[in-house]
Amino acid sequence: MALPDFLCIGAQKAGTSWLRVMLHSNPAVWMGMFKELHYFDSLYTDASRRWTSETIRSNVRFLVRRHVVRAVKQGEKVDTGRKAGQVANIDLDYLARVIKLADENYMFTEDWYRAMFDFPAGAKKIKGEITPEYSTISAEGIQYVHKLLGPVPIIYLIRDPVGRALSHVRMKIARRKDRTEFSEDEWNAMIRREDVFVNGDYKGNVTRWMENYPNEKLLFLPYRDVSTEPNELLAKVEKFVGIPPHKYEEAEKEVYKGAVIDIPPYVIERMRELLAEQYVFLEATFGAEFCKRI
């Protein structure tokens, strides 16, 4: 069975949804059934295992619902005098394959991961996967990526540490049912969340990948290029991965707009203090010019 030809490993809140949509629009590329399979982080990151299985089940439910709804709508166009459900072109074999992906005993096995890339839609196409949490996996996990996939190209989008962290915090707040005013202690707790720092720990994550994966197969891209030079960034990705050139008609279109939530200036300043070493690391590793574009 098939495996991905390249990965994008993050960073979270750094343009990965935009990149998936753009690449999926290239007829030579298949980006899988849905974004974020969480295979490697479920195996090698303890925190991920608490929630990734439900994320997969949620995506499977979406695929099943979408297929049935589309089939019924198509059936409604057939004028036979019968109920739409009787003429709906529901592909039971497809549904059985999709539903199996949510099986607890099958999920996150190597066969499960291979099955994710073995759908007819991806046949004869360059296959990619994007899961930002892969940037956080252990050295052992990175070595397993190399063992299973070989030295496939790895893409890593780098966003300004504070900007990325604040976007992460806004996402968490937006998911809460109560979005009232927060006390200083509550703000401190939110900006010190483990997931906020783990996903934005470039010093730890980038270093670990560079130490355990062929560096020539790692492509680091500055986040601001997504908005300022989208076509140039996509051309770099195409060349790096080996994707045929494509005209991305909606490259300048915003794919995902985060929640608009005001964060007090003192919280932002505190976050900048907490992430100071990340800026030092990024400039030492990638240079000042690169860092101007993150």
Foldseek 3Di string as FASTA:
>chain_A
DDAALEEEQDLPPQCPVLVLVQQCVALQEDAFLDAALCLLCCVFPPVCVVPNLVVLVVSLVVVQVVQQVVQLVVLVVDPDPDHSVVRRPRDVVVNVLSVVCSDPVPDSDPVSNRSRCPDPSNPNHRYYHYHNCVLLGALVSLLVCCVVNNQRAYEYEAEDLLVSLVLVLLQVLVPDPDNDDDDPVRLVCSSPDPVSCSSSVCVPRVVSNPVRHPPLRYHYAYRQCQQVPQLVVVVVVCVSRVHPDDDRPCSNPDDDDGDDDDDDPVSSVVSCVVCVVVVVVCCVVPNDVRVVRD
